[in-house]
């Protein structure tokens, strides 16, 4: 299949519940990064992607996360590491949109806010955690975030995190 053959997220192998959630949010046409990466990511391949801001990278990695977690497992299975709290909140919100019809819980973990509500949401079994490096390390060191069941890892804006010294 070439990108010119793609007409919808369904053509890329996206679950119908996710397709509907995206459509409900007004997202119906995949961006090029999504067309290229989704079939491979949904098949379980490791992906490195690069695209300009605003071109759909979050859903390119987020849809496979939302589809790939076992909501009933009660453990963190996917971790998204982001450099800033602003990006943390943006990614969190985008994943909630994509997972709306699958009832996927997503926790935003970042500093500058009380750690207890974040750790309680993680302990309640949220399968996806999006967080900044400092807060994630704090949660792990305190024994509040168990990474032993994480099978999916995303380093969003890894170059930015390296520039910031993480």
N, C-alpha and C. Protein backbone atom coordinates (compact mmCIF):
# COMPACT_ATOMS: atom_id res chain seq x y z
N UNK A 1 0.85 -1.17 0.00
CA UNK A 1 0.00 0.00 0.00
C UNK A 1 0.89 1.24 0.00
N UNK A 2 0.64 2.15 -0.88
CA UNK A 2 1.36 3.42 -0.88
C UNK A 2 0.49 4.46 -0.18
N UNK A 3 1.10 5.58 0.18
CA UNK A 3 0.34 6.60 0.89
C UNK A 3 -0.79 7.16 0.04
N UNK A 4 -0.70 7.07 -1.27
CA UNK A 4 -1.80 7.57 -2.10
C UNK A 4 -3.01 6.66 -2.04
N UNK A 5 -2.83 5.41 -1.58
CA UNK A 5 -3.94 4.49 -1.45
C UNK A 5 -4.73 4.71 -0.16
N UNK A 6 -4.17 5.43 0.78
CA UNK A 6 -4.80 5.61 2.08
C UNK A 6 -5.91 6.64 2.00
N UNK A 7 -7.06 6.26 2.52
CA UNK A 7 -8.19 7.17 2.54
C UNK A 7 -8.67 7.48 3.95
N UNK A 8 -8.30 6.63 4.90
CA UNK A 8 -8.78 6.82 6.27
C UNK A 8 -7.85 6.13 7.26
N UNK A 9 -8.12 6.38 8.54
CA UNK A 9 -7.38 5.69 9.58
C UNK A 9 -7.68 4.19 9.54
N UNK A 10 -8.89 3.83 9.16
CA UNK A 10 -9.24 2.41 9.04
C UNK A 10 -8.34 1.70 8.05
N UNK A 11 -8.01 2.37 6.95
CA UNK A 11 -7.12 1.79 5.94
C UNK A 11 -5.74 1.47 6.51
N UNK A 12 -5.37 2.16 7.60
CA UNK A 12 -4.05 1.97 8.21
C UNK A 12 -4.06 0.90 9.29
N UNK A 13 -5.22 0.32 9.56
CA UNK A 13 -5.33 -0.72 10.57
C UNK A 13 -5.75 -0.23 11.95
N UNK A 14 -6.25 0.99 12.02
CA UNK A 14 -6.68 1.55 13.30
C UNK A 14 -8.04 0.95 13.67
N UNK A 15 -8.16 0.57 14.94
CA UNK A 15 -9.38 0.00 15.50
C UNK A 15 -10.56 0.94 15.28
N UNK A 16 -11.72 0.38 14.98
CA UNK A 16 -12.89 1.21 14.67
C UNK A 16 -13.31 2.10 15.84
N UNK A 17 -13.13 1.64 17.07
CA UNK A 17 -13.47 2.48 18.23
C UNK A 17 -12.59 3.72 18.26
N UNK A 18 -11.32 3.57 17.90
CA UNK A 18 -10.39 4.70 17.87
C UNK A 18 -10.72 5.60 16.69
N UNK A 19 -11.02 5.00 15.54
CA UNK A 19 -11.41 5.78 14.36
C UNK A 19 -12.61 6.66 14.69
N UNK A 20 -13.60 6.09 15.37
CA UNK A 20 -14.80 6.86 15.74
C UNK A 20 -14.45 7.97 16.73
N UNK A 21 -13.61 7.68 17.71
CA UNK A 21 -13.22 8.70 18.68
C UNK A 21 -12.51 9.86 17.99
N UNK A 22 -11.63 9.53 17.04
CA UNK A 22 -10.94 10.58 16.29
C UNK A 22 -11.93 11.39 15.46
N UNK A 23 -12.85 10.70 14.79
CA UNK A 23 -13.85 11.39 13.97
C UNK A 23 -14.72 12.30 14.83
N UNK A 24 -15.08 11.83 16.02
CA UNK A 24 -15.89 12.66 16.93
C UNK A 24 -15.15 13.94 17.31
N UNK A 25 -13.81 13.89 17.27
CA UNK A 25 -12.99 15.07 17.58
C UNK A 25 -12.64 15.86 16.31
N UNK A 26 -13.20 15.45 15.16
CA UNK A 26 -12.95 16.16 13.91
C UNK A 26 -11.68 15.74 13.21
N UNK A 27 -11.11 14.61 13.60
CA UNK A 27 -9.86 14.12 12.99
C UNK A 27 -10.22 12.94 12.10
N UNK A 28 -10.19 13.16 10.79
CA UNK A 28 -10.61 12.10 9.88
C UNK A 28 -9.56 11.70 8.86
N UNK A 29 -8.64 12.59 8.56
CA UNK A 29 -7.63 12.31 7.54
C UNK A 29 -6.25 12.18 8.17
N UNK A 30 -5.57 11.06 7.94
CA UNK A 30 -4.24 10.88 8.51
C UNK A 30 -3.21 11.81 7.86
N UNK A 31 -2.27 12.26 8.68
CA UNK A 31 -1.13 13.02 8.20
C UNK A 31 -0.09 12.06 7.63
N UNK A 32 0.84 12.55 6.81
CA UNK A 32 1.86 11.67 6.24
C UNK A 32 2.65 10.85 7.28
N UNK A 33 3.03 11.45 8.41
CA UNK A 33 3.78 10.70 9.43
C UNK A 33 2.94 9.54 9.95
N UNK A 34 1.63 9.73 10.03
CA UNK A 34 0.74 8.67 10.49
C UNK A 34 0.59 7.59 9.42
N UNK A 35 0.48 7.99 8.18
CA UNK A 35 0.37 7.02 7.08
C UNK A 35 1.59 6.12 7.02
N UNK A 36 2.76 6.70 7.27
CA UNK A 36 4.01 5.94 7.19
C UNK A 36 4.26 5.07 8.42
N UNK A 37 3.90 5.58 9.59
CA UNK A 37 4.28 4.88 10.82
C UNK A 37 3.21 3.96 11.40
N UNK A 38 1.95 4.29 11.26
CA UNK A 38 0.91 3.51 11.94
C UNK A 38 0.91 2.03 11.57
N UNK A 39 0.97 1.66 10.30
CA UNK A 39 0.95 0.22 10.01
C UNK A 39 2.10 -0.53 10.68
N UNK A 40 3.28 0.06 10.71
CA UNK A 40 4.42 -0.60 11.34
C UNK A 40 4.28 -0.61 12.86
N UNK A 41 3.89 0.52 13.44
CA UNK A 41 3.77 0.61 14.89
C UNK A 41 2.65 -0.31 15.40
N UNK A 42 1.55 -0.37 14.68
CA UNK A 42 0.45 -1.25 15.09
C UNK A 42 0.85 -2.72 14.99
N UNK A 43 1.82 -3.02 14.15
CA UNK A 43 2.33 -4.39 14.03
C UNK A 43 3.40 -4.69 15.07
N UNK A 44 3.74 -3.69 15.88
CA UNK A 44 4.70 -3.90 16.96
C UNK A 44 6.14 -3.53 16.66
N UNK A 45 6.37 -2.91 15.52
CA UNK A 45 7.74 -2.53 15.16
C UNK A 45 8.19 -1.31 15.97
N UNK A 46 9.49 -1.23 16.18
CA UNK A 46 10.09 -0.04 16.78
C UNK A 46 10.16 1.04 15.72
N UNK A 47 9.87 2.27 16.11
CA UNK A 47 9.79 3.38 15.15
C UNK A 47 10.61 4.55 15.66
N UNK A 48 11.31 5.21 14.75
CA UNK A 48 11.90 6.52 15.01
C UNK A 48 11.29 7.44 13.97
N UNK A 49 10.63 8.49 14.43
CA UNK A 49 9.97 9.40 13.50
C UNK A 49 10.41 10.83 13.73
N UNK A 50 10.39 11.58 12.64
CA UNK A 50 10.73 12.99 12.72
C UNK A 50 9.79 13.74 11.79
N UNK A 51 9.16 14.77 12.33
CA UNK A 51 8.26 15.60 11.54
C UNK A 51 8.11 16.94 12.25
N UNK A 52 7.71 17.93 11.50
CA UNK A 52 7.53 19.27 12.07
C UNK A 52 6.38 19.28 13.08
N UNK A 53 6.41 20.28 13.94
CA UNK A 53 5.34 20.49 14.91
C UNK A 53 4.02 20.67 14.17
N UNK A 54 2.97 20.05 14.70
CA UNK A 54 1.65 20.20 14.12
C UNK A 54 1.35 19.26 12.97
N UNK A 55 2.17 18.23 12.79
CA UNK A 55 1.97 17.32 11.66
C UNK A 55 1.49 15.93 12.08
N UNK A 56 1.04 15.79 13.33
CA UNK A 56 0.40 14.55 13.73
C UNK A 56 1.28 13.51 14.40
N UNK A 57 2.44 13.90 14.91
CA UNK A 57 3.32 12.92 15.55
C UNK A 57 2.68 12.28 16.77
N UNK A 58 1.95 13.06 17.56
CA UNK A 58 1.39 12.51 18.79
C UNK A 58 0.46 11.34 18.50
N UNK A 59 -0.41 11.48 17.53
CA UNK A 59 -1.30 10.37 17.20
C UNK A 59 -0.56 9.25 16.49
N UNK A 60 0.54 9.57 15.82
CA UNK A 60 1.33 8.53 15.16
C UNK A 60 1.87 7.54 16.18
N UNK A 61 2.25 8.02 17.37
CA UNK A 61 2.68 7.08 18.41
C UNK A 61 1.56 6.78 19.40
N UNK A 62 0.61 7.69 19.53
CA UNK A 62 -0.45 7.52 20.53
C UNK A 62 -1.48 6.47 20.19
N UNK A 63 -1.85 6.38 18.92
CA UNK A 63 -2.85 5.38 18.53
C UNK A 63 -2.36 3.97 18.83
N UNK A 64 -1.13 3.60 18.48
CA UNK A 64 -0.67 2.26 18.85
C UNK A 64 -0.64 2.03 20.37
N UNK A 65 -0.36 3.05 21.15
CA UNK A 65 -0.39 2.90 22.60
C UNK A 65 -1.81 2.60 23.08
N UNK A 66 -2.75 3.41 22.62
CA UNK A 66 -4.15 3.26 23.02
C UNK A 66 -4.67 1.88 22.62
N UNK A 67 -4.31 1.42 21.44
CA UNK A 67 -4.76 0.12 20.97
C UNK A 67 -3.99 -1.03 21.61
N UNK A 68 -2.76 -0.79 22.02
CA UNK A 68 -1.90 -1.88 22.46
C UNK A 68 -1.97 -2.23 23.93
N UNK A 69 -2.56 -1.37 24.76
CA UNK A 69 -2.61 -1.67 26.19
C UNK A 69 -3.81 -2.55 26.52
N UNK A 70 -3.64 -3.32 27.58
CA UNK A 70 -4.72 -4.13 28.14
C UNK A 70 -5.33 -3.33 29.28
N UNK A 71 -6.49 -2.78 29.02
CA UNK A 71 -7.13 -1.89 30.00
C UNK A 71 -7.43 -2.59 31.33
N UNK A 72 -7.59 -3.90 31.30
CA UNK A 72 -7.95 -4.63 32.52
C UNK A 72 -6.75 -5.12 33.31
N UNK A 73 -5.54 -4.92 32.82
CA UNK A 73 -4.34 -5.45 33.48
C UNK A 73 -4.04 -4.78 34.82
N UNK A 74 -4.42 -3.52 34.97
CA UNK A 74 -4.17 -2.82 36.22
C UNK A 74 -2.74 -2.41 36.43
N UNK A 75 -1.95 -2.35 35.34
CA UNK A 75 -0.54 -1.98 35.44
C UNK A 75 -0.20 -0.95 34.37
N UNK A 76 0.88 -0.23 34.61
CA UNK A 76 1.40 0.69 33.61
C UNK A 76 2.10 -0.14 32.54
N UNK A 77 1.64 0.01 31.29
CA UNK A 77 2.19 -0.76 30.18
C UNK A 77 2.84 0.11 29.13
N UNK A 78 2.52 1.40 29.14
CA UNK A 78 3.07 2.33 28.15
C UNK A 78 3.54 3.59 28.87
N UNK A 79 4.74 4.03 28.51
CA UNK A 79 5.33 5.21 29.12
C UNK A 79 5.74 6.17 28.01
N UNK A 80 5.30 7.42 28.15
CA UNK A 80 5.69 8.47 27.21
C UNK A 80 6.46 9.51 28.00
N UNK A 81 7.72 9.72 27.62
CA UNK A 81 8.57 10.68 28.30
C UNK A 81 8.64 11.94 27.43
N UNK A 82 8.32 13.08 28.04
CA UNK A 82 8.29 14.36 27.32
C UNK A 82 9.13 15.39 28.08
N UNK A 83 9.66 16.40 27.40
CA UNK A 83 10.56 17.35 28.08
C UNK A 83 9.89 18.40 28.95
N UNK A 84 8.63 18.74 28.71
CA UNK A 84 8.00 19.85 29.43
C UNK A 84 6.59 19.49 29.90
N UNK A 85 6.13 20.21 30.92
CA UNK A 85 4.77 19.96 31.41
C UNK A 85 3.73 20.35 30.37
N UNK A 86 4.02 21.38 29.57
CA UNK A 86 3.07 21.78 28.53
C UNK A 86 2.86 20.65 27.52
N UNK A 87 3.97 20.04 27.08
CA UNK A 87 3.86 18.93 26.15
C UNK A 87 3.21 17.72 26.83
N UNK A 88 3.51 17.52 28.10
CA UNK A 88 2.90 16.43 28.86
C UNK A 88 1.38 16.54 28.81
N UNK A 89 0.87 17.72 29.08
CA UNK A 89 -0.58 17.94 29.07
C UNK A 89 -1.16 17.78 27.67
N UNK A 90 -0.45 18.26 26.66
CA UNK A 90 -0.93 18.13 25.29
C UNK A 90 -1.02 16.67 24.87
N UNK A 91 0.04 15.92 25.13
CA UNK A 91 0.06 14.49 24.77
C UNK A 91 -1.02 13.75 25.55
N UNK A 92 -1.13 14.03 26.83
CA UNK A 92 -2.17 13.43 27.67
C UNK A 92 -3.55 13.64 27.06
N UNK A 93 -3.85 14.89 26.70
CA UNK A 93 -5.17 15.21 26.14
C UNK A 93 -5.40 14.51 24.80
N UNK A 94 -4.38 14.47 23.94
CA UNK A 94 -4.52 13.79 22.65
C UNK A 94 -4.76 12.30 22.82
N UNK A 95 -4.09 11.68 23.79
CA UNK A 95 -4.29 10.25 24.04
C UNK A 95 -5.69 9.99 24.60
N UNK A 96 -6.18 10.90 25.43
CA UNK A 96 -7.55 10.76 25.93
C UNK A 96 -8.56 10.82 24.79
N UNK A 97 -8.32 11.71 23.84
CA UNK A 97 -9.21 11.80 22.67
C UNK A 97 -9.18 10.49 21.89
N UNK A 98 -7.98 10.01 21.57
CA UNK A 98 -7.87 8.78 20.77
C UNK A 98 -8.46 7.58 21.50
N UNK A 99 -8.34 7.54 22.82
CA UNK A 99 -8.82 6.40 23.59
C UNK A 99 -10.19 6.56 24.19
N UNK A 100 -10.90 7.60 23.81
CA UNK A 100 -12.19 7.91 24.43
C UNK A 100 -13.18 6.75 24.36
N UNK A 101 -13.27 6.07 23.24
CA UNK A 101 -14.23 4.98 23.09
C UNK A 101 -13.70 3.64 23.58
N UNK A 102 -12.46 3.62 24.04
CA UNK A 102 -11.89 2.39 24.57
C UNK A 102 -11.69 2.49 26.08
N UNK A 103 -12.10 3.61 26.68
CA UNK A 103 -12.00 3.81 28.12
C UNK A 103 -10.58 3.57 28.63
N UNK A 104 -9.61 4.16 27.93
CA UNK A 104 -8.21 4.03 28.32
C UNK A 104 -7.85 5.16 29.27
N UNK A 105 -7.32 4.80 30.43
CA UNK A 105 -6.90 5.78 31.41
C UNK A 105 -5.47 6.23 31.11
N UNK A 106 -5.26 7.54 31.15
CA UNK A 106 -3.95 8.12 30.89
C UNK A 106 -3.63 9.08 32.04
N UNK A 107 -2.44 8.97 32.59
CA UNK A 107 -2.02 9.84 33.68
C UNK A 107 -0.96 10.81 33.16
N UNK A 108 -1.13 12.09 33.49
CA UNK A 108 -0.11 13.10 33.22
C UNK A 108 0.69 13.30 34.50
N UNK A 109 1.99 13.01 34.45
CA UNK A 109 2.86 13.10 35.63
C UNK A 109 3.94 14.14 35.38
N UNK A 110 3.86 15.25 36.09
CA UNK A 110 4.83 16.32 35.90
C UNK A 110 4.96 17.11 37.19
N UNK A 111 6.09 17.78 37.34
CA UNK A 111 6.37 18.55 38.54
C UNK A 111 5.59 19.84 38.61
N UNK A 112 5.65 20.47 39.76
CA UNK A 112 4.92 21.72 39.95
C UNK A 112 3.51 21.49 40.44
N UNK A 113 3.14 20.24 40.60
CA UNK A 113 1.82 19.87 41.13
C UNK A 113 2.03 18.78 42.16
N UNK A 114 1.04 18.59 43.00
CA UNK A 114 1.12 17.56 44.03
C UNK A 114 1.32 16.18 43.39
N UNK A 115 2.19 15.40 43.98
CA UNK A 115 2.49 14.08 43.44
C UNK A 115 1.41 13.05 43.79
N UNK A 116 0.70 13.26 44.91
CA UNK A 116 -0.26 12.27 45.38
C UNK A 116 -1.37 11.95 44.38
N UNK A 117 -2.05 12.94 43.78
CA UNK A 117 -3.09 12.59 42.80
C UNK A 117 -2.53 11.82 41.60
N UNK A 118 -1.32 12.15 41.20
CA UNK A 118 -0.70 11.45 40.07
C UNK A 118 -0.39 10.01 40.46
N UNK A 119 0.20 9.81 41.63
CA UNK A 119 0.55 8.46 42.06
C UNK A 119 -0.70 7.63 42.33
N UNK A 120 -1.76 8.26 42.83
CA UNK A 120 -3.01 7.54 43.07
C UNK A 120 -3.63 7.07 41.76
N UNK A 121 -3.57 7.90 40.73
CA UNK A 121 -4.11 7.51 39.42
C UNK A 121 -3.29 6.37 38.82
N UNK A 122 -1.98 6.40 39.04
CA UNK A 122 -1.12 5.31 38.57
C UNK A 122 -1.47 4.03 39.33
N UNK A 123 -1.59 4.13 40.65
CA UNK A 123 -1.91 2.97 41.49
C UNK A 123 -3.27 2.39 41.15
N UNK A 124 -4.18 3.23 40.65
CA UNK A 124 -5.52 2.76 40.27
C UNK A 124 -5.49 1.92 39.00
N UNK A 125 -4.32 1.84 38.36
CA UNK A 125 -4.19 0.94 37.21
C UNK A 125 -4.17 1.58 35.85
N UNK A 126 -3.87 2.88 35.77
CA UNK A 126 -3.80 3.53 34.46
C UNK A 126 -2.73 2.86 33.61
N UNK A 127 -3.09 2.39 32.41
CA UNK A 127 -2.11 1.68 31.59
C UNK A 127 -1.12 2.58 30.86
N UNK A 128 -1.42 3.88 30.74
CA UNK A 128 -0.52 4.79 30.04
C UNK A 128 -0.15 5.94 30.96
N UNK A 129 1.15 6.19 31.08
CA UNK A 129 1.65 7.32 31.87
C UNK A 129 2.46 8.20 30.93
N UNK A 130 2.13 9.49 30.93
CA UNK A 130 2.87 10.50 30.18
C UNK A 130 3.52 11.39 31.21
N UNK A 131 4.84 11.59 31.13
CA UNK A 131 5.45 12.40 32.16
C UNK A 131 6.78 13.01 31.77
N UNK A 132 7.17 13.98 32.59
CA UNK A 132 8.46 14.63 32.43
C UNK A 132 9.51 13.79 33.16
N UNK A 133 10.77 13.87 32.71
CA UNK A 133 11.81 13.02 33.30
C UNK A 133 11.94 13.14 34.82
N UNK A 134 11.95 14.36 35.32
CA UNK A 134 12.13 14.56 36.75
C UNK A 134 11.02 13.93 37.57
N UNK A 135 9.77 14.14 37.18
CA UNK A 135 8.65 13.58 37.93
C UNK A 135 8.62 12.06 37.81
N UNK A 136 8.92 11.54 36.62
CA UNK A 136 8.92 10.09 36.45
C UNK A 136 9.99 9.45 37.33
N UNK A 137 11.19 10.04 37.37
CA UNK A 137 12.25 9.52 38.23
C UNK A 137 11.83 9.58 39.70
N UNK A 138 11.18 10.65 40.09
CA UNK A 138 10.71 10.79 41.47
C UNK A 138 9.70 9.69 41.80
N UNK A 139 8.77 9.45 40.91
CA UNK A 139 7.77 8.40 41.14
C UNK A 139 8.41 7.01 41.24
N UNK A 140 9.38 6.74 40.38
CA UNK A 140 10.07 5.45 40.41
C UNK A 140 10.86 5.31 41.71
N UNK A 141 11.61 6.34 42.07
CA UNK A 141 12.44 6.28 43.29
C UNK A 141 11.60 6.07 44.55
N UNK A 142 10.40 6.62 44.56
CA UNK A 142 9.51 6.47 45.71
C UNK A 142 8.74 5.14 45.67
N UNK A 143 8.92 4.38 44.62
CA UNK A 143 8.19 3.11 44.49
C UNK A 143 6.74 3.28 44.09
N UNK A 144 6.41 4.43 43.50
CA UNK A 144 5.03 4.73 43.13
C UNK A 144 4.74 4.43 41.66
N UNK A 145 5.77 4.19 40.88
CA UNK A 145 5.62 3.86 39.46
C UNK A 145 6.45 2.63 39.19
N UNK A 146 5.78 1.54 38.87
CA UNK A 146 6.42 0.26 38.56
C UNK A 146 6.55 0.16 37.04
N UNK A 147 7.79 0.08 36.57
CA UNK A 147 8.03 0.00 35.13
C UNK A 147 8.22 -1.43 34.64
N UNK A 148 8.04 -2.41 35.50
CA UNK A 148 8.33 -3.80 35.14
C UNK A 148 7.38 -4.36 34.07
N UNK A 149 6.21 -3.77 33.91
CA UNK A 149 5.25 -4.25 32.91
C UNK A 149 5.17 -3.35 31.68
N UNK A 150 6.04 -2.35 31.61
CA UNK A 150 6.04 -1.44 30.46
C UNK A 150 6.59 -2.17 29.24
N UNK A 151 5.78 -2.24 28.20
CA UNK A 151 6.19 -2.88 26.95
C UNK A 151 6.27 -1.88 25.80
N UNK A 152 5.80 -0.65 26.04
CA UNK A 152 5.83 0.38 25.01
C UNK A 152 6.42 1.65 25.62
N UNK A 153 7.43 2.19 24.96
CA UNK A 153 8.11 3.39 25.44
C UNK A 153 8.23 4.39 24.30
N UNK A 154 7.86 5.63 24.59
CA UNK A 154 8.00 6.72 23.62
C UNK A 154 8.85 7.81 24.25
N UNK A 155 9.87 8.24 23.54
CA UNK A 155 10.64 9.41 23.92
C UNK A 155 10.23 10.51 22.95
N UNK A 156 9.34 11.37 23.40
CA UNK A 156 8.82 12.44 22.55
C UNK A 156 9.74 13.64 22.68
N UNK A 157 10.17 14.15 21.54
CA UNK A 157 11.12 15.27 21.49
C UNK A 157 12.41 14.90 22.24
N UNK A 158 12.94 13.74 21.91
CA UNK A 158 14.16 13.25 22.55
C UNK A 158 15.32 14.23 22.38
N UNK A 159 15.40 14.87 21.21
CA UNK A 159 16.46 15.85 20.98
C UNK A 159 16.36 17.01 21.96
N UNK A 160 15.15 17.43 22.24
CA UNK A 160 14.93 18.53 23.19
C UNK A 160 15.35 18.10 24.60
N UNK A 161 15.02 16.87 24.98
CA UNK A 161 15.40 16.38 26.30
C UNK A 161 16.92 16.31 26.44
N UNK A 162 17.60 15.90 25.38
CA UNK A 162 19.07 15.86 25.41
C UNK A 162 19.64 17.28 25.55
N UNK A 163 19.06 18.22 24.80
CA UNK A 163 19.49 19.62 24.91
C UNK A 163 19.29 20.18 26.33
N UNK A 164 18.26 19.68 27.01
CA UNK A 164 17.97 20.16 28.35
C UNK A 164 18.80 19.44 29.41
N UNK A 165 19.58 18.45 28.99
CA UNK A 165 20.45 17.75 29.92
C UNK A 165 19.89 16.49 30.53
N UNK A 166 18.79 15.98 30.01
CA UNK A 166 18.20 14.76 30.56
C UNK A 166 18.89 13.54 29.97
